[in-house]
Amino acid sequence: MADFQTLDVVEEITRNDGTKYHEIGNLLHNGQAEYAVEHGMLKEVRIMKINIPHSASVEKYENYVNENFHIYEMVAIPEWIEWVKTPAMDEIIAKIMQENQLS
């Protein structure tokens, strides 16, 4: 498992069924998402904004992700693990999107 991950990238991820969601990740996560696209685990990934400010909202989400999900330390992942969000984390993501003028 990778060390504590600092999150600083906003991505739009398209699942194979065509539904989309926003994720706050980093360059490792984006590389994994690109790998997942190349290997048919996802349909598409797009960086919406890079180097987002490390706000209180980002810090809360960052802690949630690091505490609740296995984060592979390499780009060549065996499976795509979508970070399932609680309603509170959905609100945090919405706030991060708004803070970065992406809503």
PDB file of N, CA and C in Angstrom:
ATOM      1  N   MET A   1       0.846  -1.181   0.000  1.00  0.00           N
ATOM      2  CA  MET A   1       0.000   0.000   0.000  1.00  0.00           C
ATOM      3  C   MET A   1       0.885   1.237   0.000  1.00  0.00           C
ATOM      4  N   ALA A   2       0.452   2.237  -0.725  1.00  0.00           N
ATOM      5  CA  ALA A   2       1.205   3.486  -0.804  1.00  0.00           C
ATOM      6  C   ALA A   2       1.115   4.244   0.516  1.00  0.00           C
ATOM      7  N   ASP A   3       2.096   5.094   0.750  1.00  0.00           N
ATOM      8  CA  ASP A   3       2.074   5.959   1.918  1.00  0.00           C
ATOM      9  C   ASP A   3       0.891   6.912   1.834  1.00  0.00           C
ATOM     10  N   PHE A   4       0.728   7.735   2.863  1.00  0.00           N
ATOM     11  CA  PHE A   4      -0.341   8.734   2.886  1.00  0.00           C
ATOM     12  C   PHE A   4      -0.308   9.541   1.595  1.00  0.00           C
ATOM     13  N   GLN A   5      -1.448   9.622   0.940  1.00  0.00           N
ATOM     14  CA  GLN A   5      -1.553  10.300  -0.354  1.00  0.00           C
ATOM     15  C   GLN A   5      -2.104  11.712  -0.199  1.00  0.00           C
ATOM     16  N   THR A   6      -1.380  12.690  -0.697  1.00  0.00           N
ATOM     17  CA  THR A   6      -1.840  14.065  -0.769  1.00  0.00           C
ATOM     18  C   THR A   6      -2.621  14.206  -2.067  1.00  0.00           C
ATOM     19  N   LEU A   7      -3.807  14.779  -1.980  1.00  0.00           N
ATOM     20  CA  LEU A   7      -4.674  14.896  -3.157  1.00  0.00           C
ATOM     21  C   LEU A   7      -4.654  16.328  -3.681  1.00  0.00           C
ATOM     22  N   ASP A   8      -4.442  16.478  -4.989  1.00  0.00           N
ATOM     23  CA  ASP A   8      -4.309  17.823  -5.557  1.00  0.00           C
ATOM     24  C   ASP A   8      -4.788  17.936  -7.002  1.00  0.00           C
ATOM     25  N   VAL A   9      -5.570  16.951  -7.457  1.00  0.00           N
ATOM     26  CA  VAL A   9      -6.054  16.928  -8.836  1.00  0.00           C
ATOM     27  C   VAL A   9      -7.557  16.634  -8.835  1.00  0.00           C
ATOM     28  N   VAL A  10      -8.303  17.359  -9.658  1.00  0.00           N
ATOM     29  CA  VAL A  10      -9.721  17.051  -9.843  1.00  0.00           C
ATOM     30  C   VAL A  10      -9.858  16.327 -11.178  1.00  0.00           C
ATOM     31  N   GLU A  11     -10.502  15.146 -11.136  1.00  0.00           N
ATOM     32  CA  GLU A  11     -10.674  14.332 -12.334  1.00  0.00           C
ATOM     33  C   GLU A  11     -12.157  14.093 -12.598  1.00  0.00           C
ATOM     34  N   GLU A  12     -12.478  13.896 -13.851  1.00  0.00           N
ATOM     35  CA  GLU A  12     -13.794  13.407 -14.232  1.00  0.00           C
ATOM     36  C   GLU A  12     -13.568  12.000 -14.768  1.00  0.00           C
ATOM     37  N   ILE A  13     -14.222  11.030 -14.144  1.00  0.00           N
ATOM     38  CA  ILE A  13     -14.042   9.633 -14.509  1.00  0.00           C
ATOM     39  C   ILE A  13     -15.333   9.105 -15.108  1.00  0.00           C
ATOM     40  N   THR A  14     -15.212   8.438 -16.247  1.00  0.00           N
ATOM     41  CA  THR A  14     -16.367   7.827 -16.903  1.00  0.00           C
ATOM     42  C   THR A  14     -16.261   6.315 -16.755  1.00  0.00           C
ATOM     43  N   ARG A  15     -17.266   5.758 -16.101  1.00  0.00           N
ATOM     44  CA  ARG A  15     -17.342   4.301 -15.943  1.00  0.00           C
ATOM     45  C   ARG A  15     -17.678   3.673 -17.295  1.00  0.00           C
ATOM     46  N   ASN A  16     -17.518   2.377 -17.385  1.00  0.00           N
ATOM     47  CA  ASN A  16     -17.817   1.667 -18.641  1.00  0.00           C
ATOM     48  C   ASN A  16     -19.282   1.770 -19.043  1.00  0.00           C
ATOM     49  N   ASP A  17     -20.176   1.989 -18.071  1.00  0.00           N
ATOM     50  CA  ASP A  17     -21.601   2.125 -18.410  1.00  0.00           C
ATOM     51  C   ASP A  17     -21.955   3.537 -18.877  1.00  0.00           C
ATOM     52  N   GLY A  18     -20.944   4.424 -18.947  1.00  0.00           N
ATOM     53  CA  GLY A  18     -21.158   5.788 -19.430  1.00  0.00           C
ATOM     54  C   GLY A  18     -21.446   6.814 -18.351  1.00  0.00           C
ATOM     55  N   THR A  19     -21.703   6.373 -17.117  1.00  0.00           N
ATOM     56  CA  THR A  19     -21.938   7.334 -16.034  1.00  0.00           C
ATOM     57  C   THR A  19     -20.610   7.952 -15.620  1.00  0.00           C
ATOM     58  N   LYS A  20     -20.704   9.190 -15.156  1.00  0.00           N
ATOM     59  CA  LYS A  20     -19.502   9.947 -14.798  1.00  0.00           C
ATOM     60  C   LYS A  20     -19.554  10.343 -13.329  1.00  0.00           C
ATOM     61  N   TYR A  21     -18.380  10.517 -12.766  1.00  0.00           N
ATOM     62  CA  TYR A  21     -18.271  11.066 -11.418  1.00  0.00           C
ATOM     63  C   TYR A  21     -16.982  11.859 -11.303  1.00  0.00           C
ATOM     64  N   HIS A  22     -16.948  12.729 -10.309  1.00  0.00           N
ATOM     65  CA  HIS A  22     -15.749  13.530 -10.059  1.00  0.00           C
ATOM     66  C   HIS A  22     -14.969  12.902  -8.922  1.00  0.00           C
ATOM     67  N   GLU A  23     -13.657  12.971  -9.056  1.00  0.00           N
ATOM     68  CA  GLU A  23     -12.792  12.437  -8.022  1.00  0.00           C
ATOM     69  C   GLU A  23     -11.684  13.435  -7.747  1.00  0.00           C
ATOM     70  N   ILE A  24     -11.290  13.479  -6.485  1.00  0.00           N
ATOM     71  CA  ILE A  24     -10.140  14.287  -6.087  1.00  0.00           C
ATOM     72  C   ILE A  24      -9.011  13.282  -5.899  1.00  0.00           C
ATOM     73  N   GLY A  25      -7.997  13.387  -6.723  1.00  0.00           N
ATOM     74  CA  GLY A  25      -6.907  12.425  -6.685  1.00  0.00           C
ATOM     75  C   GLY A  25      -5.562  13.123  -6.715  1.00  0.00           C
ATOM     76  N   ASN A  26      -4.605  12.458  -7.310  1.00  0.00           N
ATOM     77  CA  ASN A  26      -3.273  13.024  -7.502  1.00  0.00           C
ATOM     78  C   ASN A  26      -2.700  12.396  -8.778  1.00  0.00           C
ATOM     79  N   LEU A  27      -1.454  12.658  -9.075  1.00  0.00           N
ATOM     80  CA  LEU A  27      -0.905  12.143 -10.329  1.00  0.00           C
ATOM     81  C   LEU A  27      -0.796  10.621 -10.323  1.00  0.00           C
ATOM     82  N   LEU A  28      -0.545   9.995  -9.159  1.00  0.00           N
ATOM     83  CA  LEU A  28      -0.547   8.535  -9.085  1.00  0.00           C
ATOM     84  C   LEU A  28      -1.939   8.004  -9.412  1.00  0.00           C
ATOM     85  N   HIS A  29      -2.951   8.585  -8.792  1.00  0.00           N
ATOM     86  CA  HIS A  29      -4.332   8.161  -9.036  1.00  0.00           C
ATOM     87  C   HIS A  29      -4.698   8.362 -10.502  1.00  0.00           C
ATOM     88  N   ASN A  30      -4.304   9.482 -11.089  1.00  0.00           N
ATOM     89  CA  ASN A  30      -4.610   9.728 -12.495  1.00  0.00           C
ATOM     90  C   ASN A  30      -3.906   8.712 -13.379  1.00  0.00           C
ATOM     91  N   GLY A  31      -2.666   8.392 -13.060  1.00  0.00           N
ATOM     92  CA  GLY A  31      -1.948   7.372 -13.829  1.00  0.00           C
ATOM     93  C   GLY A  31      -2.648   6.023 -13.742  1.00  0.00           C
ATOM     94  N   GLN A  32      -3.141   5.684 -12.557  1.00  0.00           N
ATOM     95  CA  GLN A  32      -3.886   4.439 -12.383  1.00  0.00           C
ATOM     96  C   GLN A  32      -5.177   4.470 -13.185  1.00  0.00           C
ATOM     97  N   ALA A  33      -5.853   5.606 -13.197  1.00  0.00           N
ATOM     98  CA  ALA A  33      -7.097   5.736 -13.967  1.00  0.00           C
ATOM     99  C   ALA A  33      -6.809   5.602 -15.462  1.00  0.00           C
ATOM    100  N   GLU A  34      -5.739   6.215 -15.929  1.00  0.00           N
ATOM    101  CA  GLU A  34      -5.353   6.089 -17.350  1.00  0.00           C
ATOM    102  C   GLU A  34      -5.038   4.630 -17.681  1.00  0.00           C
ATOM    103  N   TYR A  35      -4.342   3.957 -16.785  1.00  0.00           N
ATOM    104  CA  TYR A  35      -4.042   2.538 -16.966  1.00  0.00           C
ATOM    105  C   TYR A  35      -5.345   1.743 -17.020  1.00  0.00           C
ATOM    106  N   ALA A  36      -6.289   2.078 -16.117  1.00  0.00           N
ATOM    107  CA  ALA A  36      -7.586   1.392 -16.085  1.00  0.00           C
ATOM    108  C   ALA A  36      -8.338   1.578 -17.402  1.00  0.00           C
ATOM    109  N   VAL A  37      -8.243   2.769 -17.996  1.00  0.00           N
ATOM    110  CA  VAL A  37      -8.881   3.010 -19.294  1.00  0.00           C
ATOM    111  C   VAL A  37      -8.233   2.126 -20.361  1.00  0.00           C
ATOM    112  N   GLU A  38      -6.920   2.100 -20.384  1.00  0.00           N
ATOM    113  CA  GLU A  38      -6.199   1.309 -21.381  1.00  0.00           C
ATOM    114  C   GLU A  38      -6.510  -0.186 -21.279  1.00  0.00           C
ATOM    115  N   HIS A  39      -6.900  -0.628 -20.079  1.00  0.00           N
ATOM    116  CA  HIS A  39      -7.159  -2.051 -19.850  1.00  0.00           C
ATOM    117  C   HIS A  39      -8.648  -2.359 -19.670  1.00  0.00           C
ATOM    118  N   GLY A  40      -9.517  -1.444 -20.098  1.00  0.00           N
ATOM    119  CA  GLY A  40     -10.946  -1.709 -20.144  1.00  0.00           C
ATOM    120  C   GLY A  40     -11.678  -1.669 -18.814  1.00  0.00           C
ATOM    121  N   MET A  41     -11.025  -1.177 -17.755  1.00  0.00           N
ATOM    122  CA  MET A  41     -11.678  -1.094 -16.445  1.00  0.00           C
ATOM    123  C   MET A  41     -12.529   0.167 -16.324  1.00  0.00           C
ATOM    124  N   LEU A  42     -12.192   1.185 -17.084  1.00  0.00           N
ATOM    125  CA  LEU A  42     -12.920   2.451 -17.156  1.00  0.00           C
ATOM    126  C   LEU A  42     -13.038   2.843 -18.614  1.00  0.00           C
ATOM    127  N   LYS A  43     -13.976   3.739 -18.895  1.00  0.00           N
ATOM    128  CA  LYS A  43     -14.158   4.209 -20.268  1.00  0.00           C
ATOM    129  C   LYS A  43     -13.267   5.413 -20.577  1.00  0.00           C
ATOM    130  N   GLU A  44     -13.181   6.356 -19.603  1.00  0.00           N
ATOM    131  CA  GLU A  44     -12.425   7.588 -19.865  1.00  0.00           C
ATOM    132  C   GLU A  44     -12.072   8.270 -18.550  1.00  0.00           C
ATOM    133  N   VAL A  45     -10.976   9.001 -18.555  1.00  0.00           N
ATOM    134  CA  VAL A  45     -10.604   9.854 -17.426  1.00  0.00           C
ATOM    135  C   VAL A  45     -10.092  11.168 -17.995  1.00  0.00           C
ATOM    136  N   ARG A  46     -10.449  12.240 -17.315  1.00  0.00           N
ATOM    137  CA  ARG A  46     -10.051  13.572 -17.782  1.00  0.00           C
ATOM    138  C   ARG A  46      -9.663  14.411 -16.576  1.00  0.00           C
ATOM    139  N   ILE A  47      -8.499  15.043 -16.629  1.00  0.00           N
ATOM    140  CA  ILE A  47      -8.097  15.968 -15.567  1.00  0.00           C
ATOM    141  C   ILE A  47      -8.843  17.280 -15.791  1.00  0.00           C
ATOM    142  N   MET A  48      -9.542  17.724 -14.769  1.00  0.00           N
ATOM    143  CA  MET A  48     -10.277  18.982 -14.848  1.00  0.00           C
ATOM    144  C   MET A  48      -9.458  20.139 -14.284  1.00  0.00           C
ATOM    145  N   LYS A  49      -8.669  19.856 -13.256  1.00  0.00           N
ATOM    146  CA  LYS A  49      -7.823  20.895 -12.668  1.00  0.00           C
ATOM    147  C   LYS A  49      -6.698  20.218 -11.897  1.00  0.00           C
ATOM    148  N   ILE A  50      -5.513  20.793 -12.005  1.00  0.00           N
ATOM    149  CA  ILE A  50      -4.332  20.242 -11.353  1.00  0.00           C
ATOM    150  C   ILE A  50      -3.818  21.265 -10.329  1.00  0.00           C
ATOM    151  N   ASN A  51      -3.160  20.782  -9.313  1.00  0.00           N
ATOM    152  CA  ASN A  51      -2.595  21.629  -8.250  1.00  0.00           C
ATOM    153  C   ASN A  51      -3.659  22.475  -7.548  1.00  0.00           C
ATOM    154  N   ILE A  52      -4.750  21.832  -7.145  1.00  0.00           N
ATOM    155  CA  ILE A  52      -5.789  22.572  -6.423  1.00  0.00           C
ATOM    156  C   ILE A  52      -5.270  22.957  -5.041  1.00  0.00           C
ATOM    157  N   PRO A  53      -5.759  24.070  -4.491  1.00  0.00           N
ATOM    158  CA  PRO A  53      -5.340  24.478  -3.154  1.00  0.00           C
ATOM    159  C   PRO A  53      -5.710  23.420  -2.115  1.00  0.00           C
ATOM    160  N   HIS A  54      -4.862  23.262  -1.125  1.00  0.00           N
ATOM    161  CA  HIS A  54      -5.079  22.273  -0.066  1.00  0.00           C
ATOM    162  C   HIS A  54      -5.975  22.890   1.009  1.00  0.00           C
ATOM    163  N   SER A  55      -7.260  22.987   0.689  1.00  0.00           N
ATOM    164  CA  SER A  55      -8.244  23.599   1.584  1.00  0.00           C
ATOM    165  C   SER A  55      -8.631  22.635   2.703  1.00  0.00           C
ATOM    166  N   ALA A  56      -9.408  23.113   3.655  1.00  0.00           N
ATOM    167  CA  ALA A  56      -9.918  22.267   4.735  1.00  0.00           C
ATOM    168  C   ALA A  56     -10.775  21.144   4.155  1.00  0.00           C
ATOM    169  N   SER A  57     -11.515  21.428   3.102  1.00  0.00           N
ATOM    170  CA  SER A  57     -12.350  20.407   2.455  1.00  0.00           C
ATOM    171  C   SER A  57     -11.486  19.320   1.826  1.00  0.00           C
ATOM    172  N   VAL A  58     -10.443  19.706   1.143  1.00  0.00           N
ATOM    173  CA  VAL A  58      -9.530  18.730   0.534  1.00  0.00           C
ATOM    174  C   VAL A  58      -8.891  17.882   1.630  1.00  0.00           C
ATOM    175  N   GLU A  59      -8.485  18.514   2.717  1.00  0.00           N
ATOM    176  CA  GLU A  59      -7.865  17.782   3.820  1.00  0.00           C
ATOM    177  C   GLU A  59      -8.827  16.747   4.413  1.00  0.00           C
ATOM    178  N   LYS A  60     -10.098  17.107   4.571  1.00  0.00           N
ATOM    179  CA  LYS A  60     -11.093  16.163   5.095  1.00  0.00           C
ATOM    180  C   LYS A  60     -11.257  14.972   4.154  1.00  0.00           C
ATOM    181  N   TYR A  61     -11.360  15.240   2.868  1.00  0.00           N
ATOM    182  CA  TYR A  61     -11.534  14.155   1.901  1.00  0.00           C
ATOM    183  C   TYR A  61     -10.279  13.294   1.820  1.00  0.00           C
ATOM    184  N   GLU A  62      -9.135  13.941   1.845  1.00  0.00           N
ATOM    185  CA  GLU A  62      -7.847  13.254   1.813  1.00  0.00           C
ATOM    186  C   GLU A  62      -7.743  12.262   2.993  1.00  0.00           C
ATOM    187  N   ASN A  63      -8.110  12.707   4.180  1.00  0.00           N
ATOM    188  CA  ASN A  63      -8.078  11.838   5.358  1.00  0.00           C
ATOM    189  C   ASN A  63      -9.042  10.666   5.196  1.00  0.00           C
ATOM    190  N   TYR A  64     -10.239  10.947   4.674  1.00  0.00           N
ATOM    191  CA  TYR A  64     -11.242   9.904   4.441  1.00  0.00           C
ATOM    192  C   TYR A  64     -10.696   8.831   3.495  1.00  0.00           C
ATOM    193  N   VAL A  65     -10.121   9.257   2.386  1.00  0.00           N
ATOM    194  CA  VAL A  65      -9.602   8.313   1.393  1.00  0.00           C
ATOM    195  C   VAL A  65      -8.466   7.488   1.981  1.00  0.00           C
ATOM    196  N   ASN A  66      -7.519   8.155   2.631  1.00  0.00           N
ATOM    197  CA  ASN A  66      -6.365   7.448   3.180  1.00  0.00           C
ATOM    198  C   ASN A  66      -6.742   6.477   4.292  1.00  0.00           C
ATOM    199  N   GLU A  67      -7.787   6.767   5.033  1.00  0.00           N
ATOM    200  CA  GLU A  67      -8.210   5.897   6.130  1.00  0.00           C
ATOM    201  C   GLU A  67      -9.090   4.735   5.663  1.00  0.00           C
ATOM    202  N   ASN A  68      -9.762   4.868   4.519  1.00  0.00           N
ATOM    203  CA  ASN A  68     -10.779   3.896   4.134  1.00  0.00           C
ATOM    204  C   ASN A  68     -10.485   3.052   2.901  1.00  0.00           C
ATOM    205  N   PHE A  69      -9.455   3.368   2.154  1.00  0.00           N
ATOM    206  CA  PHE A  69      -9.230   2.653   0.900  1.00  0.00           C
ATOM    207  C   PHE A  69      -7.782   2.209   0.750  1.00  0.00           C
ATOM    208  N   HIS A  70      -7.627   1.046   0.132  1.00  0.00           N
ATOM    209  CA  HIS A  70      -6.300   0.539  -0.230  1.00  0.00           C
ATOM    210  C   HIS A  70      -5.842   1.325  -1.457  1.00  0.00           C
ATOM    211  N   ILE A  71      -4.678   1.903  -1.363  1.00  0.00           N
ATOM    212  CA  ILE A  71      -4.140   2.671  -2.486  1.00  0.00           C
ATOM    213  C   ILE A  71      -2.889   1.954  -2.982  1.00  0.00           C
ATOM    214  N   TYR A  72      -2.972   1.425  -4.201  1.00  0.00           N
ATOM    215  CA  TYR A  72      -1.816   0.752  -4.782  1.00  0.00           C
ATOM    216  C   TYR A  72      -0.698   1.755  -4.978  1.00  0.00           C
ATOM    217  N   GLU A  73       0.531   1.283  -4.835  1.00  0.00           N
ATOM    218  CA  GLU A  73       1.665   2.191  -4.980  1.00  0.00           C
ATOM    219  C   GLU A  73       2.222   2.223  -6.395  1.00  0.00           C
ATOM    220  N   MET A  74       1.649   1.413  -7.283  1.00  0.00           N
ATOM    221  CA  MET A  74       2.120   1.401  -8.663  1.00  0.00           C
ATOM    222  C   MET A  74       0.979   1.798  -9.605  1.00  0.00           C
ATOM    223  N   VAL A  75       1.346   2.186 -10.804  1.00  0.00           N
ATOM    224  CA  VAL A  75       0.357   2.597 -11.795  1.00  0.00           C
ATOM    225  C   VAL A  75      -0.352   1.375 -12.379  1.00  0.00           C
ATOM    226  N   ALA A  76       0.381   0.282 -12.584  1.00  0.00           N
ATOM    227  CA  ALA A  76      -0.190  -0.925 -13.185  1.00  0.00           C
ATOM    228  C   ALA A  76      -1.006  -1.684 -12.133  1.00  0.00           C
ATOM    229  N   ILE A  77      -2.249  -1.260 -11.952  1.00  0.00           N
ATOM    230  CA  ILE A  77      -3.125  -1.816 -10.915  1.00  0.00           C
ATOM    231  C   ILE A  77      -3.826  -3.085 -11.408  1.00  0.00           C
ATOM    232  N   PRO A  78      -4.117  -4.014 -10.487  1.00  0.00           N
ATOM    233  CA  PRO A  78      -4.819  -5.229 -10.899  1.00  0.00           C
ATOM    234  C   PRO A  78      -6.323  -5.031 -11.080  1.00  0.00           C
ATOM    235  N   GLU A  79      -6.868  -3.999 -10.445  1.00  0.00           N
ATOM    236  CA  GLU A  79      -8.295  -3.699 -10.549  1.00  0.00           C
ATOM    237  C   GLU A  79      -8.513  -2.222 -10.231  1.00  0.00           C
ATOM    238  N   TRP A  80      -9.611  -1.678 -10.755  1.00  0.00           N
ATOM    239  CA  TRP A  80      -9.981  -0.295 -10.445  1.00  0.00           C
ATOM    240  C   TRP A  80     -10.851  -0.315  -9.194  1.00  0.00           C
ATOM    241  N   ILE A  81     -10.456   0.454  -8.188  1.00  0.00           N
ATOM    242  CA  ILE A  81     -11.234   0.561  -6.958  1.00  0.00           C
ATOM    243  C   ILE A  81     -11.800   1.980  -6.893  1.00  0.00           C
ATOM    244  N   GLU A  82     -13.107   2.071  -7.090  1.00  0.00           N
ATOM    245  CA  GLU A  82     -13.762   3.378  -6.989  1.00  0.00           C
ATOM    246  C   GLU A  82     -13.920   3.731  -5.512  1.00  0.00           C
ATOM    247  N   TRP A  83     -13.525   4.932  -5.149  1.00  0.00           N
ATOM    248  CA  TRP A  83     -13.639   5.377  -3.770  1.00  0.00           C
ATOM    249  C   TRP A  83     -15.094   5.764  -3.501  1.00  0.00           C
ATOM    250  N   VAL A  84     -15.829   4.840  -2.908  1.00  0.00           N
ATOM    251  CA  VAL A  84     -17.249   5.058  -2.621  1.00  0.00           C
ATOM    252  C   VAL A  84     -17.366   6.102  -1.514  1.00  0.00           C
ATOM    253  N   LYS A  85     -18.238   7.061  -1.746  1.00  0.00           N
ATOM    254  CA  LYS A  85     -18.361   8.195  -0.828  1.00  0.00           C
ATOM    255  C   LYS A  85     -19.615   8.097   0.030  1.00  0.00           C
ATOM    256  N   THR A  86     -19.493   8.562   1.252  1.00  0.00           N
ATOM    257  CA  THR A  86     -20.653   8.716   2.126  1.00  0.00           C
ATOM    258  C   THR A  86     -21.373   9.994   1.698  1.00  0.00           C
ATOM    259  N   PRO A  87     -22.612  10.206   2.148  1.00  0.00           N
ATOM    260  CA  PRO A  87     -23.279  11.483   1.839  1.00  0.00           C
ATOM    261  C   PRO A  87     -22.462  12.698   2.290  1.00  0.00           C
ATOM    262  N   ALA A  88     -21.795  12.577   3.433  1.00  0.00           N
ATOM    263  CA  ALA A  88     -20.959  13.689   3.913  1.00  0.00           C
ATOM    264  C   ALA A  88     -19.797  13.951   2.954  1.00  0.00           C
ATOM    265  N   MET A  89     -19.216  12.894   2.405  1.00  0.00           N
ATOM    266  CA  MET A  89     -18.110  13.062   1.464  1.00  0.00           C
ATOM    267  C   MET A  89     -18.607  13.583   0.120  1.00  0.00           C
ATOM    268  N   ASP A  90     -19.835  13.213  -0.274  1.00  0.00           N
ATOM    269  CA  ASP A  90     -20.430  13.808  -1.479  1.00  0.00           C
ATOM    270  C   ASP A  90     -20.528  15.326  -1.325  1.00  0.00           C
ATOM    271  N   GLU A  91     -20.906  15.776  -0.143  1.00  0.00           N
ATOM    272  CA  GLU A  91     -20.987  17.222   0.127  1.00  0.00           C
ATOM    273  C   GLU A  91     -19.612  17.860   0.076  1.00  0.00           C
ATOM    274  N   ILE A  92     -18.603  17.170   0.603  1.00  0.00           N
ATOM    275  CA  ILE A  92     -17.223  17.691   0.581  1.00  0.00           C
ATOM    276  C   ILE A  92     -16.744  17.814  -0.867  1.00  0.00           C
ATOM    277  N   ILE A  93     -17.014  16.796  -1.684  1.00  0.00           N
ATOM    278  CA  ILE A  93     -16.619  16.853  -3.105  1.00  0.00           C
ATOM    279  C   ILE A  93     -17.299  18.044  -3.782  1.00  0.00           C
ATOM    280  N   ALA A  94     -18.595  18.234  -3.515  1.00  0.00           N
ATOM    281  CA  ALA A  94     -19.324  19.368  -4.104  1.00  0.00           C
ATOM    282  C   ALA A  94     -18.684  20.690  -3.677  1.00  0.00           C
ATOM    283  N   LYS A  95     -18.257  20.772  -2.420  1.00  0.00           N
ATOM    284  CA  LYS A  95     -17.622  22.000  -1.930  1.00  0.00           C
ATOM    285  C   LYS A  95     -16.269  22.212  -2.606  1.00  0.00           C
ATOM    286  N   ILE A  96     -15.507  21.139  -2.782  1.00  0.00           N
ATOM    287  CA  ILE A  96     -14.208  21.247  -3.462  1.00  0.00           C
ATOM    288  C   ILE A  96     -14.397  21.712  -4.905  1.00  0.00           C
ATOM    289  N   MET A  97     -15.420  21.165  -5.562  1.00  0.00           N
ATOM    290  CA  MET A  97     -15.723  21.577  -6.933  1.00  0.00           C
ATOM    291  C   MET A  97     -16.044  23.068  -6.976  1.00  0.00           C
ATOM    292  N   GLN A  98     -16.848  23.515  -6.018  1.00  0.00           N
ATOM    293  CA  GLN A  98     -17.238  24.937  -5.950  1.00  0.00           C
ATOM    294  C   GLN A  98     -16.019  25.808  -5.643  1.00  0.00           C
ATOM    295  N   GLU A  99     -15.192  25.386  -4.692  1.00  0.00           N
ATOM    296  CA  GLU A  99     -13.987  26.143  -4.337  1.00  0.00           C
ATOM    297  C   GLU A  99     -13.069  26.327  -5.540  1.00  0.00           C
ATOM    298  N   ASN A 100     -13.086  25.365  -6.432  1.00  0.00           N
ATOM    299  CA  ASN A 100     -12.207  25.402  -7.603  1.00  0.00           C
ATOM    300  C   ASN A 100     -12.931  25.838  -8.866  1.00  0.00           C
ATOM    301  N   GLN A 101     -14.116  26.408  -8.697  1.00  0.00           N
ATOM    302  CA  GLN A 101     -14.921  26.950  -9.788  1.00  0.00           C
ATOM    303  C   GLN A 101     -15.175  25.919 -10.892  1.00  0.00           C
ATOM    304  N   LEU A 102     -15.514  24.687 -10.442  1.00  0.00           N
ATOM    305  CA  LEU A 102     -15.773  23.593 -11.366  1.00  0.00           C
ATOM    306  C   LEU A 102     -17.192  23.070 -11.256  1.00  0.00           C
ATOM    307  N   SER A 103     -18.024  23.716 -10.430  1.00  0.00           N
ATOM    308  CA  SER A 103     -19.381  23.207 -10.233  1.00  0.00           C
ATOM    309  C   SER A 103     -20.334  23.715 -11.289  1.00  0.00           C
TER     310      SER A 103
END
